[in-house]
Protein backbone atom coordinates (compact mmCIF):
# COMPACT_ATOMS: atom_id res chain seq x y z
CA UNK A 1 13.06 -118.67 -64.41
CA UNK A 2 15.19 -121.58 -63.17
CA UNK A 3 17.25 -121.56 -66.39
CA UNK A 4 17.90 -117.83 -66.05
CA UNK A 5 18.94 -118.25 -62.40
CA UNK A 6 21.42 -121.01 -63.22
CA UNK A 7 22.72 -119.00 -66.17
CA UNK A 8 23.23 -115.82 -64.11
CA UNK A 9 24.88 -117.64 -61.21
CA UNK A 10 27.19 -119.49 -63.58
CA UNK A 11 28.27 -116.43 -65.54
CA UNK A 12 28.74 -114.49 -62.31
CA UNK A 13 31.02 -117.28 -61.09
CA UNK A 14 32.88 -117.24 -64.40
CA UNK A 15 33.34 -113.49 -64.05
CA UNK A 16 34.75 -113.94 -60.52
CA UNK A 17 36.84 -116.87 -61.65
CA UNK A 18 35.88 -118.86 -58.57
CA UNK A 19 33.22 -119.63 -55.98
CA UNK A 20 34.03 -117.99 -52.65
CA UNK A 21 35.03 -120.57 -50.08
CA UNK A 22 35.75 -123.27 -52.66
CA UNK A 23 38.89 -124.11 -54.64
CA UNK A 24 37.13 -124.14 -57.99
CA UNK A 25 38.09 -122.38 -61.21
CA UNK A 26 36.15 -121.13 -64.24
CA UNK A 27 35.94 -124.58 -65.79
CA UNK A 28 34.54 -125.99 -62.57
CA UNK A 29 31.99 -123.18 -62.34
CA UNK A 30 30.84 -123.78 -65.92
CA UNK A 31 30.65 -127.52 -65.32
CA UNK A 32 28.49 -126.98 -62.23
CA UNK A 33 26.21 -124.75 -64.29
CA UNK A 34 25.84 -127.44 -66.96
CA UNK A 35 25.19 -130.07 -64.29
CA UNK A 36 22.55 -127.79 -62.77
CA UNK A 37 20.80 -127.43 -66.11
CA UNK A 38 20.54 -131.22 -66.40
CA UNK A 39 19.86 -132.15 -62.76
CA UNK A 40 17.06 -129.60 -62.37
CA UNK A 41 15.42 -130.69 -65.60
CA UNK A 42 16.02 -127.52 -67.62
CA UNK A 43 17.51 -129.68 -70.36
CA UNK A 44 17.40 -133.43 -70.76
CA UNK A 45 20.54 -135.51 -70.93
CA UNK A 46 19.91 -136.17 -74.62
CA UNK A 47 19.41 -132.50 -75.51
CA UNK A 48 22.47 -131.55 -73.44
CA UNK A 49 24.60 -133.91 -75.50
CA UNK A 50 23.05 -132.69 -78.75
CA UNK A 51 23.68 -129.04 -77.78
CA UNK A 52 27.45 -129.58 -77.87
CA UNK A 53 28.85 -128.47 -81.22
CA UNK A 54 30.88 -131.58 -82.02
CA UNK A 55 32.64 -130.13 -85.11
CA UNK A 56 34.07 -127.28 -83.00
CA UNK A 57 35.19 -129.69 -80.26
CA UNK A 58 36.77 -131.99 -82.84
CA UNK A 59 38.67 -129.11 -84.42
CA UNK A 60 39.97 -127.88 -81.05
CA UNK A 61 40.87 -131.40 -79.94
CA UNK A 62 42.69 -132.16 -83.20
CA UNK A 63 44.83 -129.03 -83.01
CA UNK A 64 45.80 -129.94 -79.44
CA UNK A 65 47.02 -133.33 -80.64
CA UNK A 66 49.00 -131.69 -83.46
CA UNK A 67 50.59 -129.24 -81.02
CA UNK A 68 51.39 -132.12 -78.65
CA UNK A 69 53.28 -133.80 -81.50
CA UNK A 70 55.41 -130.68 -81.97
CA UNK A 71 55.96 -130.30 -78.25
CA UNK A 72 57.06 -133.90 -77.76
CA UNK A 73 59.28 -133.56 -80.81
CA UNK A 74 61.07 -130.67 -79.09
CA UNK A 75 59.88 -128.08 -81.62
CA UNK A 76 59.16 -125.32 -79.09
CA UNK A 77 62.46 -125.87 -77.27
CA UNK A 78 64.28 -125.85 -80.61
CA UNK A 79 62.62 -122.57 -81.64
CA UNK A 80 63.46 -120.96 -78.29
CA UNK A 81 67.10 -122.02 -78.57
CA UNK A 82 67.30 -120.76 -82.16
CA UNK A 83 66.26 -117.24 -81.20
CA UNK A 84 68.30 -117.07 -77.99
CA UNK A 85 71.45 -115.80 -79.78
CA UNK A 86 69.54 -112.59 -80.56
CA UNK A 87 69.19 -111.75 -76.85
CA UNK A 88 72.21 -109.45 -77.15
CA UNK A 89 69.87 -107.17 -79.11
CA UNK A 90 66.83 -107.18 -76.76
CA UNK A 91 64.57 -105.04 -78.96
CA UNK A 92 65.15 -107.25 -81.98
CA UNK A 93 64.77 -110.30 -79.75
CA UNK A 94 61.38 -108.98 -78.62
CA UNK A 95 60.32 -108.46 -82.24
CA UNK A 96 61.29 -112.01 -83.21
CA UNK A 97 59.54 -113.44 -80.15
CA UNK A 98 56.31 -111.59 -80.91
CA UNK A 99 56.37 -112.46 -84.61
CA UNK A 100 56.92 -116.15 -83.84
CA UNK A 101 54.21 -116.15 -81.21
CA UNK A 102 51.73 -114.50 -83.57
CA UNK A 103 52.56 -116.86 -86.45
CA UNK A 104 52.38 -120.02 -84.35
CA UNK A 105 49.14 -118.88 -82.72
CA UNK A 106 47.52 -118.25 -86.10
CA UNK A 107 48.22 -121.86 -87.05
CA UNK A 108 48.10 -123.81 -83.78
CA UNK A 109 45.75 -121.74 -81.53
CA UNK A 110 46.99 -119.22 -78.99
CA UNK A 111 46.17 -121.14 -75.79
CA UNK A 112 48.12 -124.15 -77.04
CA UNK A 113 51.13 -122.06 -78.11
CA UNK A 114 51.26 -120.14 -74.82
CA UNK A 115 51.06 -123.36 -72.82
CA UNK A 116 53.95 -124.95 -74.71
CA UNK A 117 56.14 -121.93 -75.50
CA UNK A 118 56.05 -119.96 -72.23
CA UNK A 119 58.20 -122.34 -70.10
CA UNK A 120 61.02 -122.73 -72.63
CA UNK A 121 61.05 -119.00 -73.48
CA UNK A 122 61.02 -118.04 -69.79
CA UNK A 123 63.90 -120.40 -69.07
CA UNK A 124 65.91 -118.89 -71.93
CA UNK A 125 65.21 -115.36 -70.66
CA UNK A 126 66.38 -116.30 -67.17
CA UNK A 127 69.59 -117.80 -68.53
CA UNK A 128 70.19 -114.70 -70.68
CA UNK A 129 69.51 -112.51 -67.61
CA UNK A 130 66.99 -110.40 -69.49
CA UNK A 131 64.01 -108.77 -67.82
CA UNK A 132 61.38 -111.44 -68.58
CA UNK A 133 58.32 -109.19 -68.21
CA UNK A 134 58.29 -107.37 -71.59
CA UNK A 135 59.00 -110.61 -73.45
CA UNK A 136 56.41 -112.75 -71.66
CA UNK A 137 53.75 -110.04 -71.77
CA UNK A 138 54.71 -109.58 -75.42
CA UNK A 139 54.23 -113.32 -75.92
CA UNK A 140 50.69 -113.18 -74.51
CA UNK A 141 49.75 -110.00 -76.37
CA UNK A 142 51.12 -111.12 -79.74
CA UNK A 143 49.64 -114.58 -79.31
CA UNK A 144 46.17 -113.08 -78.89
CA UNK A 145 46.61 -110.68 -81.80
CA UNK A 146 48.09 -113.29 -84.13
CA UNK A 147 45.31 -115.73 -83.34
CA UNK A 148 42.72 -113.21 -84.56
CA UNK A 149 43.91 -113.65 -88.14
CA UNK A 150 42.61 -117.18 -88.74
CA UNK A 151 39.61 -119.36 -87.99
CA UNK A 152 41.86 -121.83 -86.14
CA UNK A 153 43.76 -119.17 -84.18
CA UNK A 154 41.78 -119.45 -80.95
CA UNK A 155 38.78 -121.30 -79.51
CA UNK A 156 36.28 -118.48 -80.06
CA UNK A 157 37.33 -118.12 -83.70
CA UNK A 158 36.85 -121.85 -84.20
CA UNK A 159 33.35 -121.55 -82.77
CA UNK A 160 32.58 -118.50 -84.93
CA UNK A 161 33.97 -120.16 -88.06
CA UNK A 162 32.10 -123.41 -87.52
CA UNK A 163 28.79 -121.84 -86.47
CA UNK A 164 28.82 -119.20 -89.20
CA UNK A 165 30.08 -121.64 -91.86
CA UNK A 166 32.76 -119.11 -92.79
CA UNK A 167 35.25 -119.61 -95.59
CA UNK A 168 38.83 -120.00 -94.34
CA UNK A 169 40.40 -117.81 -97.05
CA UNK A 170 37.83 -115.00 -96.79
CA UNK A 171 38.20 -114.96 -93.02
CA UNK A 172 41.99 -114.73 -93.36
CA UNK A 173 41.93 -111.93 -95.94
CA UNK A 174 39.51 -109.85 -93.82
CA UNK A 175 41.16 -110.37 -90.41
CA UNK A 176 44.84 -110.41 -91.40
CA UNK A 177 45.35 -106.66 -92.16
CA UNK A 178 44.05 -105.33 -88.81
CA UNK A 179 45.92 -108.11 -87.00
CA UNK A 180 49.24 -107.16 -88.62
CA UNK A 181 48.75 -103.47 -87.84
CA UNK A 182 47.74 -104.28 -84.25
CA UNK A 183 50.83 -106.47 -83.86
CA UNK A 184 53.08 -103.63 -85.00
CA UNK A 185 51.35 -101.20 -82.64
CA UNK A 186 51.70 -103.60 -79.70
CA UNK A 187 55.42 -104.04 -80.35
CA UNK A 188 55.98 -100.28 -80.37
CA UNK A 189 53.89 -99.85 -77.21
CA UNK A 190 55.87 -102.50 -75.31
CA UNK A 191 59.12 -100.87 -76.42
CA UNK A 192 57.87 -97.56 -75.09
CA UNK A 193 56.56 -98.94 -71.78
CA UNK A 194 59.81 -100.84 -71.12
CA UNK A 195 62.14 -98.36 -72.78
CA UNK A 196 64.35 -98.28 -69.67
CA UNK A 197 63.66 -101.78 -68.34
CA UNK A 198 64.20 -104.13 -71.24
CA UNK A 199 67.89 -104.75 -70.57
CA UNK A 200 69.38 -107.26 -68.14
CA UNK A 201 67.54 -107.91 -64.91
CA UNK A 202 69.13 -106.76 -61.69
CA UNK A 203 68.76 -110.00 -59.72
CA UNK A 204 69.47 -113.51 -60.87
CA UNK A 205 66.48 -115.88 -60.73
CA UNK A 206 67.48 -119.42 -59.82
CA UNK A 207 65.29 -122.19 -61.14
CA UNK A 208 65.51 -125.84 -61.97
CA UNK A 209 64.02 -125.86 -65.43
CA UNK A 210 66.12 -127.98 -67.74
CA UNK A 211 63.45 -130.70 -67.57
CA UNK A 212 61.09 -128.28 -69.35
CA UNK A 213 63.06 -128.66 -72.57
CA UNK A 214 62.15 -131.62 -74.69
CA UNK A 215 65.07 -133.15 -76.64
CA UNK A 216 64.84 -132.15 -80.28
CA UNK A 217 63.71 -134.97 -82.56
CA UNK A 218 64.15 -133.92 -86.16
CA UNK A 219 61.93 -136.65 -87.59
CA UNK A 220 59.01 -136.12 -85.20
CA UNK A 221 59.16 -132.35 -85.62
CA UNK A 222 59.45 -132.57 -89.41
CA UNK A 223 56.52 -134.98 -89.53
CA UNK A 224 54.42 -132.61 -87.47
CA UNK A 225 55.29 -129.54 -89.57
CA UNK A 226 54.72 -131.40 -92.85
CA UNK A 227 51.25 -132.55 -91.79
CA UNK A 228 50.38 -129.04 -90.53
CA UNK A 229 51.20 -127.64 -93.97
CA UNK A 230 48.95 -130.28 -95.55
CA UNK A 231 46.21 -129.37 -93.08
CA UNK A 232 46.44 -125.67 -93.97
CA UNK A 233 46.07 -126.57 -97.66
CA UNK A 234 43.02 -128.69 -96.80
CA UNK A 235 41.51 -125.76 -94.89
CA UNK A 236 41.43 -123.80 -98.16
CA UNK A 237 39.47 -126.62 -99.79
CA UNK A 238 35.77 -127.46 -99.48
CA UNK A 239 36.40 -130.35 -97.08
CA UNK A 240 34.91 -129.88 -93.57
CA UNK A 241 37.64 -128.42 -91.36
CA UNK A 242 36.96 -130.74 -88.45
CA UNK A 243 37.30 -133.84 -90.65
CA UNK A 244 40.57 -132.60 -92.15
CA UNK A 245 41.95 -131.82 -88.69
CA UNK A 246 40.91 -135.08 -87.02
CA UNK A 247 42.28 -137.03 -90.00
CA UNK A 248 45.70 -135.37 -89.65
CA UNK A 249 45.59 -135.90 -85.87
CA UNK A 250 44.87 -139.59 -86.48
CA UNK A 251 47.93 -139.89 -88.71
CA UNK A 252 50.10 -138.35 -85.99
CA UNK A 253 48.84 -140.90 -83.47
CA UNK A 254 50.24 -143.65 -85.71
CA UNK A 255 53.75 -143.44 -84.27
CA UNK A 256 56.40 -146.01 -83.45
CA UNK A 257 58.13 -143.79 -80.88
CA UNK A 258 55.65 -141.43 -79.22
CA UNK A 259 53.10 -143.20 -77.03
CA UNK A 260 49.45 -142.28 -77.44
CA UNK A 261 49.27 -141.78 -73.67
CA UNK A 262 51.97 -139.09 -73.85
CA UNK A 263 50.20 -137.20 -76.63
CA UNK A 264 46.81 -137.43 -74.91
CA UNK A 265 48.39 -136.20 -71.69
CA UNK A 266 49.09 -132.84 -73.36
CA UNK A 267 45.49 -132.29 -74.49
CA UNK A 268 43.90 -129.44 -72.53
CA UNK A 269 40.90 -131.33 -71.21
CA UNK A 270 40.02 -128.35 -69.00
CA UNK A 271 39.42 -126.15 -72.04
CA UNK A 272 37.41 -128.83 -73.84
CA UNK A 273 35.29 -129.35 -70.71
CA UNK A 274 34.72 -125.59 -70.48
CA UNK A 275 33.46 -125.52 -74.07
CA UNK A 276 31.11 -128.47 -73.59
CA UNK A 277 29.70 -127.02 -70.38
CA UNK A 278 29.09 -123.61 -71.94
CA UNK A 279 27.24 -125.19 -74.87
CA UNK A 280 24.85 -126.85 -72.42
CA UNK A 281 24.36 -123.66 -70.37
CA UNK A 282 23.64 -121.48 -73.42
CA UNK A 283 21.26 -124.12 -74.77
CA UNK A 284 19.41 -124.22 -71.45
CA UNK A 285 18.85 -120.48 -71.21
CA UNK A 286 18.13 -120.08 -74.94
CA UNK A 287 15.04 -122.29 -74.61
CA UNK A 288 13.42 -119.34 -72.88
CA UNK A 289 13.08 -115.83 -74.33
CA UNK A 290 15.22 -114.07 -71.71
CA UNK A 291 18.28 -113.45 -73.89
CA UNK A 292 16.12 -112.27 -76.80
CA UNK A 293 14.30 -109.83 -74.50
CA UNK A 294 17.63 -108.39 -73.33
CA UNK A 295 18.89 -107.98 -76.88
CA UNK A 296 15.63 -106.34 -77.98
CA UNK A 297 15.93 -103.88 -75.11
CA UNK A 298 19.50 -103.07 -76.11
CA UNK A 299 18.38 -102.60 -79.71
CA UNK A 300 15.65 -100.20 -78.60
CA UNK A 301 18.33 -98.24 -76.74
CA UNK A 302 20.31 -97.86 -79.96
CA UNK A 303 22.71 -100.72 -79.28
CA UNK A 304 21.96 -102.99 -82.23
CA UNK A 305 24.47 -105.84 -82.61
CA UNK A 306 24.14 -105.58 -86.39
CA UNK A 307 25.91 -102.23 -86.10
CA UNK A 308 29.58 -103.23 -86.28
CA UNK A 309 31.03 -100.55 -83.94
CA UNK A 310 28.31 -101.38 -81.40
CA UNK A 311 29.07 -105.09 -81.75
CA UNK A 312 32.74 -104.30 -81.18
CA UNK A 313 32.00 -102.34 -78.00
CA UNK A 314 29.69 -104.97 -76.51
CA UNK A 315 32.11 -107.74 -77.43
CA UNK A 316 34.97 -105.95 -75.65
CA UNK A 317 32.90 -105.36 -72.50
CA UNK A 318 31.57 -108.92 -72.26
CA UNK A 319 34.94 -110.47 -73.13
CA UNK A 320 36.57 -108.73 -70.21
CA UNK A 321 33.70 -109.44 -67.86
CA UNK A 322 33.28 -113.13 -68.64
CA UNK A 323 36.40 -113.93 -70.78
CA UNK A 324 36.14 -114.05 -74.56
CA UNK A 325 34.97 -117.66 -75.05
CA UNK A 326 31.83 -117.36 -72.85
CA UNK A 327 31.18 -113.89 -74.30
CA UNK A 328 31.35 -115.20 -77.87
CA UNK A 329 28.95 -118.02 -77.08
CA UNK A 330 26.47 -115.45 -75.85
CA UNK A 331 26.73 -113.16 -78.87
CA UNK A 332 26.84 -115.53 -81.87
CA UNK A 333 23.15 -116.37 -81.46
CA UNK A 334 22.27 -112.82 -82.51
CA UNK A 335 24.45 -112.47 -85.60
CA UNK A 336 23.09 -112.53 -89.13
CA UNK A 337 24.31 -115.65 -91.00
CA UNK A 338 24.11 -113.72 -94.28
CA UNK A 339 26.46 -110.94 -93.08
CA UNK A 340 30.00 -112.37 -92.72
CA UNK A 341 31.38 -108.98 -91.63
CA UNK A 342 29.48 -109.33 -88.33
CA UNK A 343 31.18 -112.67 -87.65
CA UNK A 344 34.61 -111.33 -88.64
CA UNK A 345 34.11 -108.31 -86.38
CA UNK A 346 33.13 -110.46 -83.40
CA UNK A 347 36.16 -112.68 -83.95
CA UNK A 348 38.62 -109.79 -84.13
CA UNK A 349 37.08 -107.66 -81.37
CA UNK A 350 36.68 -110.49 -78.84
CA UNK A 351 40.27 -111.56 -79.48
CA UNK A 352 41.76 -108.06 -79.31
CA UNK A 353 39.71 -107.47 -76.13
CA UNK A 354 41.55 -110.34 -74.50
CA UNK A 355 44.63 -108.14 -74.13
CA UNK A 356 42.92 -105.47 -72.01
CA UNK A 357 43.19 -107.24 -68.64
CA UNK A 358 44.58 -110.57 -67.45
CA UNK A 359 41.12 -112.13 -67.13
CA UNK A 360 40.12 -111.25 -70.69
CA UNK A 361 41.89 -114.21 -72.26
CA UNK A 362 42.75 -117.73 -71.16
CA UNK A 363 46.08 -117.30 -73.00
CA UNK A 364 47.03 -114.49 -70.60
CA UNK A 365 46.32 -116.67 -67.59
CA UNK A 366 48.33 -119.54 -69.08
CA UNK A 367 51.39 -117.31 -69.55
CA UNK A 368 51.12 -115.95 -65.98
CA UNK A 369 50.68 -119.43 -64.50
CA UNK A 370 53.51 -120.99 -66.49
CA UNK A 371 55.83 -118.07 -65.65
CA UNK A 372 55.00 -118.31 -61.93
CA UNK A 373 56.24 -121.90 -61.97
CA UNK A 374 59.67 -120.42 -62.75
CA UNK A 375 59.42 -117.76 -60.02
CA UNK A 376 58.53 -115.00 -62.51
CA UNK A 377 55.64 -112.92 -61.22
CA UNK A 378 53.42 -110.99 -63.64
CA UNK A 379 50.91 -108.88 -61.73
CA UNK A 380 47.54 -107.61 -62.86
CA UNK A 381 48.93 -104.06 -62.89
CA UNK A 382 52.04 -104.98 -64.90
CA UNK A 383 49.91 -106.64 -67.56
CA UNK A 384 47.38 -103.78 -67.63
CA UNK A 385 50.17 -101.22 -68.14
CA UNK A 386 50.77 -102.83 -71.53
CA UNK A 387 47.37 -104.41 -72.14
CA UNK A 388 45.26 -101.25 -71.91
CA UNK A 389 47.16 -99.17 -74.52
CA UNK A 390 47.64 -102.24 -76.75
CA UNK A 391 43.90 -103.00 -76.70
CA UNK A 392 42.90 -99.39 -77.33
CA UNK A 393 45.30 -99.17 -80.28
CA UNK A 394 44.09 -102.52 -81.66
CA UNK A 395 40.44 -101.52 -81.40
CA UNK A 396 41.08 -98.16 -83.09
CA UNK A 397 42.77 -100.04 -85.93
CA UNK A 398 39.80 -102.42 -86.13
CA UNK A 399 37.27 -99.57 -86.19
CA UNK A 400 39.25 -97.93 -88.96
CA UNK A 401 39.26 -101.20 -90.87
CA UNK A 402 35.48 -101.49 -90.52
CA UNK A 403 35.04 -98.27 -92.49
CA UNK A 404 37.29 -99.29 -95.38
CA UNK A 405 36.81 -103.09 -95.58
């Protein structure tokens, strides 16, 4: 009963995003839940450590180091400056921005891309005097959708891929078609929503943001891109993904110019801590039969997770209640290891669900937070105006794909 209490309190706090009266965020709430599991003897220290899926953590950590290499090499600033000349054609500029965001997120993970790309894109939009909202919301939306296409596209996909022992190529070939169609639909929806507001903004926003742009270093950027291409090739091989990724990350740390401290400073330790804490919490509650009882009750009510449309619906609901990473950790325990389509469906649905509301995806929150640092406010309502139709369209595309895949 104690494990269930800690679990419920923790997930309720994650859903709220805070603990009333305290300045604590979702990561802090999850960490307190994990600490509670250990301190109150639900799990031992040894079993808590063993419950953490090290391959998933290694993969996530490695991709953060690789992205840090590109960021310190000025890659994101260089990309933003390369597409700025297209701002005179805002609709085409939006298309390029969303395509780049989706592509980068499929390779480098959406949270990482949003964290690095949002400031330099926002600064460029301010200088071009474009309305930043459709472009930044488009960045978040396309980043989520693009990340659904690959095992390394987002944290929940990494967890699904590692836990389900899924093949990189098969995952890509199954998830890519609905992701491309959803990306096209989201672009058209944003164009429609902002059909009269995509041109120049009425008021000038003054910010000091030149420090956000890293000087472009051709060698460091080229080295990073070259090793990423090698890593992608390795992902199609039989080598363990986490070993390939950590090996490439190790090579990038061997630098004569970029200090290890600078690279490590760009690792999102908050996200890694969140993952580790959630592993401990799920392990603690899974030692009892509470979760199995709930799932059996749902199955008796006709909501069997092995039914792909049902899995999609439950995934969407939980992802928007708890955020998609905690929701995925809850659901993967009940998937059939011999049915890859269930794992693919969970990956796509939980990722698409992240676009519904701001709280559905960490990538959304990153974009909003980074934009607010430049005096650009994205409200819950403004995001939902785009996010709701985009998510509905994406899920309809996914359901259609389930019947023909």
